[in-house]
Amino acid sequence: MVLQRASHAVYETKYNLVWAPKYRKWVLRESIRDRVGDLFREIAEHHGFEIEEMEIAIDHVHIFLSFPPR
């Protein structure tokens, strides 16, 4: 258990998010799968999120992440 520190807070927040394309179509294959992973990492870096774990299936994405309280 590692506590994160911000200027006015000490926190350890973990979130499990599941993202699915419309109608859970099987579109997350090959190059699209790689691109989706890159986009999620890019978005996390831009917003200051820390992705603990990410798994991309053919019809959904599981993301376990942490971010500071705002």
PDB file of N, CA and C in Angstrom:
ATOM      1  N   MET A   1       0.847  -1.179   0.000  1.00  0.00           N
ATOM      2  CA  MET A   1       0.000   0.000   0.000  1.00  0.00           C
ATOM      3  C   MET A   1       0.890   1.238   0.000  1.00  0.00           C
ATOM      4  N   VAL A   2       0.881   1.956  -1.105  1.00  0.00           N
ATOM      5  CA  VAL A   2       1.672   3.167  -1.233  1.00  0.00           C
ATOM      6  C   VAL A   2       0.717   4.352  -1.290  1.00  0.00           C
ATOM      7  N   LEU A   3       0.862   5.248  -0.357  1.00  0.00           N
ATOM      8  CA  LEU A   3       0.013   6.432  -0.337  1.00  0.00           C
ATOM      9  C   LEU A   3       0.589   7.490  -1.265  1.00  0.00           C
ATOM     10  N   GLN A   4      -0.271   8.099  -2.049  1.00  0.00           N
ATOM     11  CA  GLN A   4       0.111   9.186  -2.940  1.00  0.00           C
ATOM     12  C   GLN A   4      -0.040  10.502  -2.193  1.00  0.00           C
ATOM     13  N   ARG A   5       0.744  11.477  -2.546  1.00  0.00           N
ATOM     14  CA  ARG A   5       0.668  12.771  -1.878  1.00  0.00           C
ATOM     15  C   ARG A   5       0.476  13.887  -2.892  1.00  0.00           C
ATOM     16  N   ALA A   6      -0.415  14.795  -2.557  1.00  0.00           N
ATOM     17  CA  ALA A   6      -0.628  16.023  -3.333  1.00  0.00           C
ATOM     18  C   ALA A   6      -0.355  17.182  -2.381  1.00  0.00           C
ATOM     19  N   SER A   7      -0.514  18.399  -2.852  1.00  0.00           N
ATOM     20  CA  SER A   7      -0.190  19.540  -2.002  1.00  0.00           C
ATOM     21  C   SER A   7      -1.054  19.622  -0.751  1.00  0.00           C
ATOM     22  N   HIS A   8      -2.313  19.206  -0.806  1.00  0.00           N
ATOM     23  CA  HIS A   8      -3.207  19.276   0.346  1.00  0.00           C
ATOM     24  C   HIS A   8      -3.928  17.973   0.629  1.00  0.00           C
ATOM     25  N   ALA A   9      -3.385  16.859   0.149  1.00  0.00           N
ATOM     26  CA  ALA A   9      -4.085  15.597   0.357  1.00  0.00           C
ATOM     27  C   ALA A   9      -3.107  14.421   0.336  1.00  0.00           C
ATOM     28  N   VAL A  10      -3.459  13.399   1.062  1.00  0.00           N
ATOM     29  CA  VAL A  10      -2.793  12.107   0.999  1.00  0.00           C
ATOM     30  C   VAL A  10      -3.892  11.134   0.586  1.00  0.00           C
ATOM     31  N   TYR A  11      -3.652  10.353  -0.443  1.00  0.00           N
ATOM     32  CA  TYR A  11      -4.729   9.537  -0.982  1.00  0.00           C
ATOM     33  C   TYR A  11      -4.217   8.227  -1.547  1.00  0.00           C
ATOM     34  N   GLU A  12      -5.120   7.289  -1.653  1.00  0.00           N
ATOM     35  CA  GLU A  12      -4.903   6.055  -2.389  1.00  0.00           C
ATOM     36  C   GLU A  12      -6.246   5.686  -3.009  1.00  0.00           C
ATOM     37  N   THR A  13      -6.477   6.144  -4.201  1.00  0.00           N
ATOM     38  CA  THR A  13      -7.733   5.876  -4.894  1.00  0.00           C
ATOM     39  C   THR A  13      -7.455   4.924  -6.048  1.00  0.00           C
ATOM     40  N   LYS A  14      -8.270   3.928  -6.168  1.00  0.00           N
ATOM     41  CA  LYS A  14      -8.172   2.958  -7.261  1.00  0.00           C
ATOM     42  C   LYS A  14      -9.548   2.834  -7.891  1.00  0.00           C
ATOM     43  N   TYR A  15      -9.589   2.875  -9.190  1.00  0.00           N
ATOM     44  CA  TYR A  15     -10.849   2.780  -9.914  1.00  0.00           C
ATOM     45  C   TYR A  15     -10.753   1.671 -10.951  1.00  0.00           C
ATOM     46  N   ASN A  16     -11.807   0.900 -11.084  1.00  0.00           N
ATOM     47  CA  ASN A  16     -11.905  -0.134 -12.106  1.00  0.00           C
ATOM     48  C   ASN A  16     -12.942   0.338 -13.116  1.00  0.00           C
ATOM     49  N   LEU A  17     -12.491   0.668 -14.312  1.00  0.00           N
ATOM     50  CA  LEU A  17     -13.385   1.152 -15.358  1.00  0.00           C
ATOM     51  C   LEU A  17     -13.487   0.101 -16.457  1.00  0.00           C
ATOM     52  N   VAL A  18     -14.675  -0.036 -17.009  1.00  0.00           N
ATOM     53  CA  VAL A  18     -14.887  -0.928 -18.148  1.00  0.00           C
ATOM     54  C   VAL A  18     -15.472  -0.079 -19.269  1.00  0.00           C
ATOM     55  N   TRP A  19     -14.813  -0.097 -20.412  1.00  0.00           N
ATOM     56  CA  TRP A  19     -15.282   0.641 -21.579  1.00  0.00           C
ATOM     57  C   TRP A  19     -15.626  -0.357 -22.668  1.00  0.00           C
ATOM     58  N   ALA A  20     -16.796  -0.188 -23.271  1.00  0.00           N
ATOM     59  CA  ALA A  20     -17.224  -1.083 -24.349  1.00  0.00           C
ATOM     60  C   ALA A  20     -17.737  -0.253 -25.517  1.00  0.00           C
ATOM     61  N   PRO A  21     -17.378  -0.636 -26.744  1.00  0.00           N
ATOM     62  CA  PRO A  21     -17.937   0.041 -27.907  1.00  0.00           C
ATOM     63  C   PRO A  21     -19.442  -0.229 -28.001  1.00  0.00           C
ATOM     64  N   LYS A  22     -20.118   0.569 -28.782  1.00  0.00           N
ATOM     65  CA  LYS A  22     -21.563   0.442 -28.927  1.00  0.00           C
ATOM     66  C   LYS A  22     -21.941  -0.986 -29.342  1.00  0.00           C
ATOM     67  N   TYR A  23     -22.923  -1.526 -28.666  1.00  0.00           N
ATOM     68  CA  TYR A  23     -23.427  -2.881 -28.894  1.00  0.00           C
ATOM     69  C   TYR A  23     -22.370  -3.968 -28.676  1.00  0.00           C
ATOM     70  N   ARG A  24     -21.268  -3.619 -28.003  1.00  0.00           N
ATOM     71  CA  ARG A  24     -20.163  -4.549 -27.720  1.00  0.00           C
ATOM     72  C   ARG A  24     -19.717  -5.304 -28.972  1.00  0.00           C
ATOM     73  N   LYS A  25     -19.625  -4.577 -30.075  1.00  0.00           N
ATOM     74  CA  LYS A  25     -19.158  -5.195 -31.322  1.00  0.00           C
ATOM     75  C   LYS A  25     -17.704  -5.627 -31.175  1.00  0.00           C
ATOM     76  N   TRP A  26     -17.315  -6.651 -31.871  1.00  0.00           N
ATOM     77  CA  TRP A  26     -15.964  -7.196 -31.802  1.00  0.00           C
ATOM     78  C   TRP A  26     -15.031  -6.402 -32.717  1.00  0.00           C
ATOM     79  N   VAL A  27     -14.745  -5.169 -32.367  1.00  0.00           N
ATOM     80  CA  VAL A  27     -13.928  -4.317 -33.217  1.00  0.00           C
ATOM     81  C   VAL A  27     -12.507  -4.117 -32.704  1.00  0.00           C
ATOM     82  N   LEU A  28     -12.226  -4.511 -31.468  1.00  0.00           N
ATOM     83  CA  LEU A  28     -10.914  -4.253 -30.875  1.00  0.00           C
ATOM     84  C   LEU A  28      -9.942  -5.372 -31.231  1.00  0.00           C
ATOM     85  N   ARG A  29      -9.549  -5.410 -32.489  1.00  0.00           N
ATOM     86  CA  ARG A  29      -8.643  -6.432 -32.998  1.00  0.00           C
ATOM     87  C   ARG A  29      -7.417  -5.775 -33.600  1.00  0.00           C
ATOM     88  N   GLU A  30      -6.309  -6.482 -33.579  1.00  0.00           N
ATOM     89  CA  GLU A  30      -5.043  -6.153 -34.237  1.00  0.00           C
ATOM     90  C   GLU A  30      -4.630  -4.696 -34.078  1.00  0.00           C
ATOM     91  N   SER A  31      -4.574  -3.928 -35.157  1.00  0.00           N
ATOM     92  CA  SER A  31      -4.061  -2.557 -35.092  1.00  0.00           C
ATOM     93  C   SER A  31      -5.005  -1.634 -34.311  1.00  0.00           C
ATOM     94  N   ILE A  32      -6.301  -1.897 -34.361  1.00  0.00           N
ATOM     95  CA  ILE A  32      -7.248  -1.073 -33.597  1.00  0.00           C
ATOM     96  C   ILE A  32      -7.020  -1.292 -32.104  1.00  0.00           C
ATOM     97  N   ARG A  33      -6.745  -2.515 -31.719  1.00  0.00           N
ATOM     98  CA  ARG A  33      -6.455  -2.843 -30.321  1.00  0.00           C
ATOM     99  C   ARG A  33      -5.224  -2.077 -29.830  1.00  0.00           C
ATOM    100  N   ASP A  34      -4.167  -2.057 -30.631  1.00  0.00           N
ATOM    101  CA  ASP A  34      -2.949  -1.328 -30.266  1.00  0.00           C
ATOM    102  C   ASP A  34      -3.218   0.166 -30.158  1.00  0.00           C
ATOM    103  N   ARG A  35      -3.984   0.692 -31.094  1.00  0.00           N
ATOM    104  CA  ARG A  35      -4.288   2.132 -31.105  1.00  0.00           C
ATOM    105  C   ARG A  35      -5.124   2.526 -29.888  1.00  0.00           C
ATOM    106  N   VAL A  36      -6.101   1.697 -29.515  1.00  0.00           N
ATOM    107  CA  VAL A  36      -6.931   1.978 -28.340  1.00  0.00           C
ATOM    108  C   VAL A  36      -6.060   2.013 -27.088  1.00  0.00           C
ATOM    109  N   GLY A  37      -5.144   1.059 -26.961  1.00  0.00           N
ATOM    110  CA  GLY A  37      -4.225   1.050 -25.815  1.00  0.00           C
ATOM    111  C   GLY A  37      -3.377   2.304 -25.769  1.00  0.00           C
ATOM    112  N   ASP A  38      -2.853   2.713 -26.928  1.00  0.00           N
ATOM    113  CA  ASP A  38      -2.055   3.947 -26.991  1.00  0.00           C
ATOM    114  C   ASP A  38      -2.883   5.167 -26.613  1.00  0.00           C
ATOM    115  N   LEU A  39      -4.129   5.228 -27.088  1.00  0.00           N
ATOM    116  CA  LEU A  39      -4.989   6.369 -26.767  1.00  0.00           C
ATOM    117  C   LEU A  39      -5.293   6.455 -25.278  1.00  0.00           C
ATOM    118  N   PHE A  40      -5.596   5.320 -24.652  1.00  0.00           N
ATOM    119  CA  PHE A  40      -5.859   5.333 -23.215  1.00  0.00           C
ATOM    120  C   PHE A  40      -4.625   5.770 -22.428  1.00  0.00           C
ATOM    121  N   ARG A  41      -3.440   5.315 -22.832  1.00  0.00           N
ATOM    122  CA  ARG A  41      -2.205   5.741 -22.153  1.00  0.00           C
ATOM    123  C   ARG A  41      -1.949   7.231 -22.352  1.00  0.00           C
ATOM    124  N   GLU A  42      -2.202   7.727 -23.555  1.00  0.00           N
ATOM    125  CA  GLU A  42      -2.018   9.147 -23.857  1.00  0.00           C
ATOM    126  C   GLU A  42      -2.983  10.012 -23.041  1.00  0.00           C
ATOM    127  N   ILE A  43      -4.234   9.603 -22.957  1.00  0.00           N
ATOM    128  CA  ILE A  43      -5.234  10.337 -22.180  1.00  0.00           C
ATOM    129  C   ILE A  43      -4.862  10.323 -20.703  1.00  0.00           C
ATOM    130  N   ALA A  44      -4.414   9.166 -20.195  1.00  0.00           N
ATOM    131  CA  ALA A  44      -4.020   9.060 -18.786  1.00  0.00           C
ATOM    132  C   ALA A  44      -2.846   9.983 -18.479  1.00  0.00           C
ATOM    133  N   GLU A  45      -1.872  10.026 -19.358  1.00  0.00           N
ATOM    134  CA  GLU A  45      -0.717  10.896 -19.148  1.00  0.00           C
ATOM    135  C   GLU A  45      -1.129  12.376 -19.182  1.00  0.00           C
ATOM    136  N   HIS A  46      -1.992  12.723 -20.097  1.00  0.00           N
ATOM    137  CA  HIS A  46      -2.448  14.119 -20.230  1.00  0.00           C
ATOM    138  C   HIS A  46      -3.184  14.595 -18.978  1.00  0.00           C
ATOM    139  N   HIS A  47      -3.977  13.724 -18.372  1.00  0.00           N
ATOM    140  CA  HIS A  47      -4.786  14.109 -17.215  1.00  0.00           C
ATOM    141  C   HIS A  47      -4.139  13.752 -15.876  1.00  0.00           C
ATOM    142  N   GLY A  48      -2.961  13.162 -15.884  1.00  0.00           N
ATOM    143  CA  GLY A  48      -2.273  12.827 -14.645  1.00  0.00           C
ATOM    144  C   GLY A  48      -2.771  11.564 -13.975  1.00  0.00           C
ATOM    145  N   PHE A  49      -3.363  10.654 -14.738  1.00  0.00           N
ATOM    146  CA  PHE A  49      -3.824   9.375 -14.205  1.00  0.00           C
ATOM    147  C   PHE A  49      -2.665   8.389 -14.253  1.00  0.00           C
ATOM    148  N   GLU A  50      -2.699   7.392 -13.399  1.00  0.00           N
ATOM    149  CA  GLU A  50      -1.709   6.325 -13.417  1.00  0.00           C
ATOM    150  C   GLU A  50      -2.431   5.011 -13.677  1.00  0.00           C
ATOM    151  N   ILE A  51      -2.172   4.411 -14.831  1.00  0.00           N
ATOM    152  CA  ILE A  51      -2.812   3.148 -15.178  1.00  0.00           C
ATOM    153  C   ILE A  51      -2.049   2.029 -14.488  1.00  0.00           C
ATOM    154  N   GLU A  52      -2.716   1.360 -13.555  1.00  0.00           N
ATOM    155  CA  GLU A  52      -2.113   0.240 -12.832  1.00  0.00           C
ATOM    156  C   GLU A  52      -2.108  -1.003 -13.721  1.00  0.00           C
ATOM    157  N   GLU A  53      -3.227  -1.237 -14.392  1.00  0.00           N
ATOM    158  CA  GLU A  53      -3.356  -2.413 -15.243  1.00  0.00           C
ATOM    159  C   GLU A  53      -4.414  -2.139 -16.304  1.00  0.00           C
ATOM    160  N   MET A  54      -4.190  -2.663 -17.509  1.00  0.00           N
ATOM    161  CA  MET A  54      -5.164  -2.499 -18.584  1.00  0.00           C
ATOM    162  C   MET A  54      -5.184  -3.788 -19.400  1.00  0.00           C
ATOM    163  N   GLU A  55      -6.395  -4.277 -19.671  1.00  0.00           N
ATOM    164  CA  GLU A  55      -6.556  -5.465 -20.496  1.00  0.00           C
ATOM    165  C   GLU A  55      -7.583  -5.166 -21.569  1.00  0.00           C
ATOM    166  N   ILE A  56      -7.219  -5.434 -22.816  1.00  0.00           N
ATOM    167  CA  ILE A  56      -8.095  -5.140 -23.938  1.00  0.00           C
ATOM    168  C   ILE A  56      -8.574  -6.456 -24.537  1.00  0.00           C
ATOM    169  N   ALA A  57      -9.884  -6.709 -24.439  1.00  0.00           N
ATOM    170  CA  ALA A  57     -10.503  -7.874 -25.074  1.00  0.00           C
ATOM    171  C   ALA A  57     -11.062  -7.420 -26.424  1.00  0.00           C
ATOM    172  N   ILE A  58     -11.655  -8.324 -27.188  1.00  0.00           N
ATOM    173  CA  ILE A  58     -12.143  -7.937 -28.515  1.00  0.00           C
ATOM    174  C   ILE A  58     -13.427  -7.119 -28.458  1.00  0.00           C
ATOM    175  N   ASP A  59     -14.114  -7.119 -27.299  1.00  0.00           N
ATOM    176  CA  ASP A  59     -15.358  -6.357 -27.231  1.00  0.00           C
ATOM    177  C   ASP A  59     -15.434  -5.395 -26.044  1.00  0.00           C
ATOM    178  N   HIS A  60     -14.376  -5.272 -25.242  1.00  0.00           N
ATOM    179  CA  HIS A  60     -14.366  -4.319 -24.135  1.00  0.00           C
ATOM    180  C   HIS A  60     -12.943  -4.123 -23.608  1.00  0.00           C
ATOM    181  N   VAL A  61     -12.772  -3.082 -22.780  1.00  0.00           N
ATOM    182  CA  VAL A  61     -11.477  -2.761 -22.186  1.00  0.00           C
ATOM    183  C   VAL A  61     -11.660  -2.624 -20.679  1.00  0.00           C
ATOM    184  N   HIS A  62     -10.814  -3.298 -19.896  1.00  0.00           N
ATOM    185  CA  HIS A  62     -10.780  -3.145 -18.446  1.00  0.00           C
ATOM    186  C   HIS A  62      -9.576  -2.282 -18.105  1.00  0.00           C
ATOM    187  N   ILE A  63      -9.794  -1.241 -17.310  1.00  0.00           N
ATOM    188  CA  ILE A  63      -8.712  -0.364 -16.887  1.00  0.00           C
ATOM    189  C   ILE A  63      -8.777  -0.223 -15.370  1.00  0.00           C
ATOM    190  N   PHE A  64      -7.664  -0.471 -14.704  1.00  0.00           N
ATOM    191  CA  PHE A  64      -7.546  -0.275 -13.267  1.00  0.00           C
ATOM    192  C   PHE A  64      -6.576   0.878 -13.091  1.00  0.00           C
ATOM    193  N   LEU A  65      -7.069   2.017 -12.572  1.00  0.00           N
ATOM    194  CA  LEU A  65      -6.236   3.209 -12.514  1.00  0.00           C
ATOM    195  C   LEU A  65      -6.391   3.966 -11.216  1.00  0.00           C
ATOM    196  N   SER A  66      -5.498   4.915 -11.045  1.00  0.00           N
ATOM    197  CA  SER A  66      -5.488   5.775  -9.867  1.00  0.00           C
ATOM    198  C   SER A  66      -5.288   7.205 -10.346  1.00  0.00           C
ATOM    199  N   PHE A  67      -5.973   8.129  -9.676  1.00  0.00           N
ATOM    200  CA  PHE A  67      -5.740   9.539  -9.988  1.00  0.00           C
ATOM    201  C   PHE A  67      -6.020  10.387  -8.757  1.00  0.00           C
ATOM    202  N   PRO A  68      -5.395  11.563  -8.692  1.00  0.00           N
ATOM    203  CA  PRO A  68      -5.538  12.409  -7.509  1.00  0.00           C
ATOM    204  C   PRO A  68      -6.943  12.990  -7.380  1.00  0.00           C
ATOM    205  N   PRO A  69      -7.406  13.177  -6.152  1.00  0.00           N
ATOM    206  CA  PRO A  69      -8.726  13.785  -5.952  1.00  0.00           C
ATOM    207  C   PRO A  69      -8.695  15.260  -6.361  1.00  0.00           C
ATOM    208  N   ARG A  70      -9.672  15.656  -7.114  1.00  0.00           N
ATOM    209  CA  ARG A  70      -9.774  17.063  -7.543  1.00  0.00           C
ATOM    210  C   ARG A  70     -11.188  17.531  -7.408  1.00  0.00           C
TER     211      ARG A  70
END
